Amino acid sequence: MEVMPQALVNAKVPNHKKERYMEYPEIAEAISKLDSKFAGEGRVLIRPSGTEPKVRVMIEGKDKKQIDEEAKKLAELIQNIML
């Protein structure tokens, strides 16, 4: 297994909404696009925190700068839509 750089960014969201992020079409579409973009070259993992009012955005890929930017953009999108 190849070790790749990883970016982890948290999106602050209301605790009662954190499990429902995929119900928002803009968020689901952005995640789908990132999945396609990094297919075979990394991975995208989005999940609600088990202990905090947050959705965690984790991206692995070969280009650290790119994954940092993409993770930050997606976390901001999630936070802006869900707040």
N, C-alpha and C. Protein backbone atom coordinates (compact mmCIF):
# COMPACT_ATOMS: atom_id res chain seq x y z
N MET A 1 0.85 -1.18 0.00
CA MET A 1 0.00 0.00 0.00
C MET A 1 0.89 1.24 0.00
N GLU A 2 0.61 2.15 -0.93
CA GLU A 2 1.39 3.38 -1.04
C GLU A 2 0.90 4.40 -0.01
N VAL A 3 1.84 5.00 0.72
CA VAL A 3 1.50 6.04 1.68
C VAL A 3 1.44 7.37 0.94
N MET A 4 0.34 8.10 1.14
CA MET A 4 0.14 9.39 0.46
C MET A 4 -0.09 10.48 1.49
N PRO A 5 0.19 11.73 1.10
CA PRO A 5 -0.14 12.85 1.99
C PRO A 5 -1.64 12.87 2.28
N GLN A 6 -1.98 13.43 3.42
CA GLN A 6 -3.37 13.46 3.87
C GLN A 6 -3.72 14.87 4.35
N ALA A 7 -4.93 15.29 4.07
CA ALA A 7 -5.44 16.56 4.59
C ALA A 7 -6.72 16.27 5.36
N LEU A 8 -6.82 16.83 6.56
CA LEU A 8 -8.02 16.66 7.38
C LEU A 8 -8.49 18.04 7.82
N VAL A 9 -9.73 18.37 7.46
CA VAL A 9 -10.32 19.66 7.82
C VAL A 9 -11.71 19.39 8.39
N ASN A 10 -12.04 20.10 9.46
CA ASN A 10 -13.35 19.94 10.09
C ASN A 10 -14.29 21.06 9.67
N ALA A 11 -15.53 20.71 9.41
CA ALA A 11 -16.58 21.69 9.14
C ALA A 11 -17.50 21.73 10.35
N LYS A 12 -17.64 22.89 10.96
CA LYS A 12 -18.54 23.03 12.11
C LYS A 12 -19.97 23.10 11.59
N VAL A 13 -20.81 22.23 12.13
CA VAL A 13 -22.22 22.17 11.72
C VAL A 13 -23.07 21.95 12.97
N PRO A 14 -24.37 22.26 12.91
CA PRO A 14 -25.23 21.96 14.05
C PRO A 14 -25.22 20.44 14.34
N ASN A 15 -25.13 20.10 15.60
CA ASN A 15 -25.01 18.70 15.98
C ASN A 15 -26.15 17.84 15.44
N HIS A 16 -27.36 18.39 15.42
CA HIS A 16 -28.53 17.61 14.97
C HIS A 16 -28.54 17.41 13.45
N LYS A 17 -27.66 18.10 12.71
CA LYS A 17 -27.61 17.97 11.26
C LYS A 17 -26.40 17.17 10.76
N LYS A 18 -25.43 16.91 11.61
CA LYS A 18 -24.15 16.38 11.13
C LYS A 18 -24.26 15.03 10.41
N GLU A 19 -25.27 14.25 10.69
CA GLU A 19 -25.44 12.95 10.03
C GLU A 19 -26.10 13.09 8.65
N ARG A 20 -26.62 14.29 8.34
CA ARG A 20 -27.45 14.45 7.14
C ARG A 20 -26.77 15.24 6.03
N TYR A 21 -25.47 15.33 6.03
CA TYR A 21 -24.77 16.16 5.04
C TYR A 21 -25.03 15.72 3.60
N MET A 22 -25.26 14.44 3.35
CA MET A 22 -25.49 13.96 1.98
C MET A 22 -26.90 14.30 1.47
N GLU A 23 -27.76 14.81 2.33
CA GLU A 23 -29.09 15.22 1.91
C GLU A 23 -29.07 16.55 1.16
N TYR A 24 -27.95 17.24 1.20
CA TYR A 24 -27.82 18.54 0.52
C TYR A 24 -27.20 18.30 -0.86
N PRO A 25 -27.95 18.57 -1.94
CA PRO A 25 -27.47 18.26 -3.29
C PRO A 25 -26.11 18.88 -3.64
N GLU A 26 -25.87 20.12 -3.22
CA GLU A 26 -24.58 20.76 -3.54
C GLU A 26 -23.42 20.03 -2.89
N ILE A 27 -23.63 19.58 -1.66
CA ILE A 27 -22.58 18.85 -0.95
C ILE A 27 -22.36 17.48 -1.59
N ALA A 28 -23.45 16.77 -1.86
CA ALA A 28 -23.34 15.44 -2.47
C ALA A 28 -22.64 15.52 -3.83
N GLU A 29 -22.96 16.55 -4.61
CA GLU A 29 -22.33 16.72 -5.93
C GLU A 29 -20.84 17.03 -5.80
N ALA A 30 -20.48 17.89 -4.85
CA ALA A 30 -19.07 18.23 -4.64
C ALA A 30 -18.27 17.00 -4.21
N ILE A 31 -18.85 16.18 -3.34
CA ILE A 31 -18.17 14.96 -2.89
C ILE A 31 -18.01 13.99 -4.06
N SER A 32 -19.05 13.84 -4.86
CA SER A 32 -18.98 12.96 -6.03
C SER A 32 -17.89 13.39 -7.01
N LYS A 33 -17.80 14.69 -7.25
CA LYS A 33 -16.77 15.21 -8.15
C LYS A 33 -15.37 14.94 -7.61
N LEU A 34 -15.19 15.11 -6.30
CA LEU A 34 -13.87 14.83 -5.71
C LEU A 34 -13.55 13.34 -5.77
N ASP A 35 -14.55 12.50 -5.52
CA ASP A 35 -14.34 11.05 -5.63
C ASP A 35 -13.83 10.70 -7.03
N SER A 36 -14.44 11.28 -8.04
CA SER A 36 -14.02 11.02 -9.43
C SER A 36 -12.63 11.58 -9.70
N LYS A 37 -12.37 12.77 -9.18
CA LYS A 37 -11.09 13.43 -9.41
C LYS A 37 -9.93 12.63 -8.82
N PHE A 38 -10.13 12.04 -7.65
CA PHE A 38 -9.05 11.32 -6.97
C PHE A 38 -9.12 9.81 -7.16
N ALA A 39 -10.05 9.32 -7.96
CA ALA A 39 -10.18 7.88 -8.20
C ALA A 39 -8.87 7.30 -8.71
N GLY A 40 -8.37 6.30 -8.02
CA GLY A 40 -7.13 5.65 -8.42
C GLY A 40 -5.88 6.40 -8.02
N GLU A 41 -6.03 7.64 -7.58
CA GLU A 41 -4.88 8.48 -7.20
C GLU A 41 -4.98 8.95 -5.76
N GLY A 42 -5.91 8.42 -5.01
CA GLY A 42 -6.10 8.84 -3.63
C GLY A 42 -7.49 8.44 -3.18
N ARG A 43 -7.98 9.10 -2.12
CA ARG A 43 -9.33 8.80 -1.66
C ARG A 43 -9.91 9.99 -0.92
N VAL A 44 -11.23 9.99 -0.85
CA VAL A 44 -11.97 11.04 -0.18
C VAL A 44 -12.86 10.36 0.87
N LEU A 45 -12.76 10.82 2.11
CA LEU A 45 -13.58 10.26 3.19
C LEU A 45 -14.25 11.41 3.93
N ILE A 46 -15.56 11.39 3.97
CA ILE A 46 -16.34 12.41 4.66
C ILE A 46 -17.17 11.67 5.71
N ARG A 47 -17.12 12.15 6.95
CA ARG A 47 -17.89 11.48 8.00
C ARG A 47 -18.22 12.45 9.12
N PRO A 48 -19.34 12.22 9.79
CA PRO A 48 -19.66 13.04 10.95
C PRO A 48 -18.79 12.64 12.13
N SER A 49 -18.43 13.61 12.95
CA SER A 49 -17.70 13.31 14.18
C SER A 49 -18.63 12.58 15.13
N GLY A 50 -18.07 11.66 15.86
CA GLY A 50 -18.87 10.94 16.84
C GLY A 50 -19.05 11.69 18.14
N THR A 51 -18.21 12.71 18.37
CA THR A 51 -18.23 13.40 19.67
C THR A 51 -18.41 14.91 19.59
N GLU A 52 -18.31 15.49 18.40
CA GLU A 52 -18.38 16.94 18.27
C GLU A 52 -19.36 17.33 17.16
N PRO A 53 -19.85 18.58 17.16
CA PRO A 53 -20.75 19.03 16.10
C PRO A 53 -19.96 19.41 14.85
N LYS A 54 -19.40 18.41 14.20
CA LYS A 54 -18.53 18.62 13.04
C LYS A 54 -18.71 17.50 12.02
N VAL A 55 -18.42 17.86 10.77
CA VAL A 55 -18.27 16.87 9.71
C VAL A 55 -16.80 16.89 9.33
N ARG A 56 -16.17 15.74 9.34
CA ARG A 56 -14.73 15.66 9.04
C ARG A 56 -14.52 15.37 7.55
N VAL A 57 -13.62 16.14 6.95
CA VAL A 57 -13.29 16.00 5.54
C VAL A 57 -11.84 15.54 5.46
N MET A 58 -11.61 14.34 4.96
CA MET A 58 -10.26 13.81 4.82
C MET A 58 -10.03 13.43 3.36
N ILE A 59 -8.94 13.94 2.81
CA ILE A 59 -8.57 13.61 1.43
C ILE A 59 -7.12 13.15 1.43
N GLU A 60 -6.86 12.06 0.73
CA GLU A 60 -5.49 11.58 0.50
C GLU A 60 -5.20 11.67 -0.99
N GLY A 61 -3.99 12.06 -1.32
CA GLY A 61 -3.59 12.17 -2.72
C GLY A 61 -2.11 12.43 -2.84
N LYS A 62 -1.64 12.48 -4.05
CA LYS A 62 -0.20 12.63 -4.29
C LYS A 62 0.29 14.06 -4.11
N ASP A 63 -0.56 15.04 -4.38
CA ASP A 63 -0.17 16.46 -4.35
C ASP A 63 -0.71 17.10 -3.07
N LYS A 64 0.17 17.32 -2.10
CA LYS A 64 -0.23 17.85 -0.79
C LYS A 64 -0.95 19.19 -0.90
N LYS A 65 -0.43 20.07 -1.73
CA LYS A 65 -1.05 21.39 -1.89
C LYS A 65 -2.48 21.26 -2.42
N GLN A 66 -2.66 20.41 -3.41
CA GLN A 66 -3.98 20.21 -4.01
C GLN A 66 -4.97 19.63 -3.01
N ILE A 67 -4.56 18.61 -2.27
CA ILE A 67 -5.51 18.00 -1.33
C ILE A 67 -5.84 18.96 -0.18
N ASP A 68 -4.86 19.76 0.25
CA ASP A 68 -5.14 20.77 1.28
C ASP A 68 -6.20 21.75 0.80
N GLU A 69 -6.04 22.23 -0.43
CA GLU A 69 -6.99 23.20 -1.00
C GLU A 69 -8.38 22.58 -1.17
N GLU A 70 -8.42 21.37 -1.69
CA GLU A 70 -9.72 20.71 -1.93
C GLU A 70 -10.44 20.41 -0.62
N ALA A 71 -9.71 19.95 0.39
CA ALA A 71 -10.32 19.65 1.69
C ALA A 71 -10.87 20.92 2.33
N LYS A 72 -10.11 22.00 2.24
CA LYS A 72 -10.56 23.27 2.81
C LYS A 72 -11.81 23.78 2.09
N LYS A 73 -11.81 23.71 0.76
CA LYS A 73 -12.97 24.17 -0.02
C LYS A 73 -14.23 23.36 0.33
N LEU A 74 -14.08 22.04 0.41
CA LEU A 74 -15.24 21.20 0.71
C LEU A 74 -15.75 21.45 2.13
N ALA A 75 -14.85 21.57 3.09
CA ALA A 75 -15.26 21.84 4.47
C ALA A 75 -15.99 23.18 4.56
N GLU A 76 -15.49 24.19 3.85
CA GLU A 76 -16.16 25.50 3.84
C GLU A 76 -17.55 25.40 3.21
N LEU A 77 -17.67 24.65 2.12
CA LEU A 77 -18.96 24.46 1.48
C LEU A 77 -19.95 23.79 2.44
N ILE A 78 -19.52 22.72 3.08
CA ILE A 78 -20.37 22.00 4.03
C ILE A 78 -20.82 22.94 5.15
N GLN A 79 -19.87 23.66 5.71
CA GLN A 79 -20.18 24.56 6.83
C GLN A 79 -21.14 25.67 6.40
N ASN A 80 -20.87 26.29 5.25
CA ASN A 80 -21.73 27.39 4.79
C ASN A 80 -23.15 26.94 4.49
N ILE A 81 -23.30 25.76 3.93
CA ILE A 81 -24.64 25.26 3.58
C ILE A 81 -25.40 24.78 4.81
N MET A 82 -24.71 24.14 5.73
CA MET A 82 -25.40 23.50 6.85
C MET A 82 -25.61 24.40 8.07
N LEU A 83 -24.95 25.51 8.14
CA LEU A 83 -25.15 26.40 9.30
C LEU A 83 -26.46 27.14 9.23
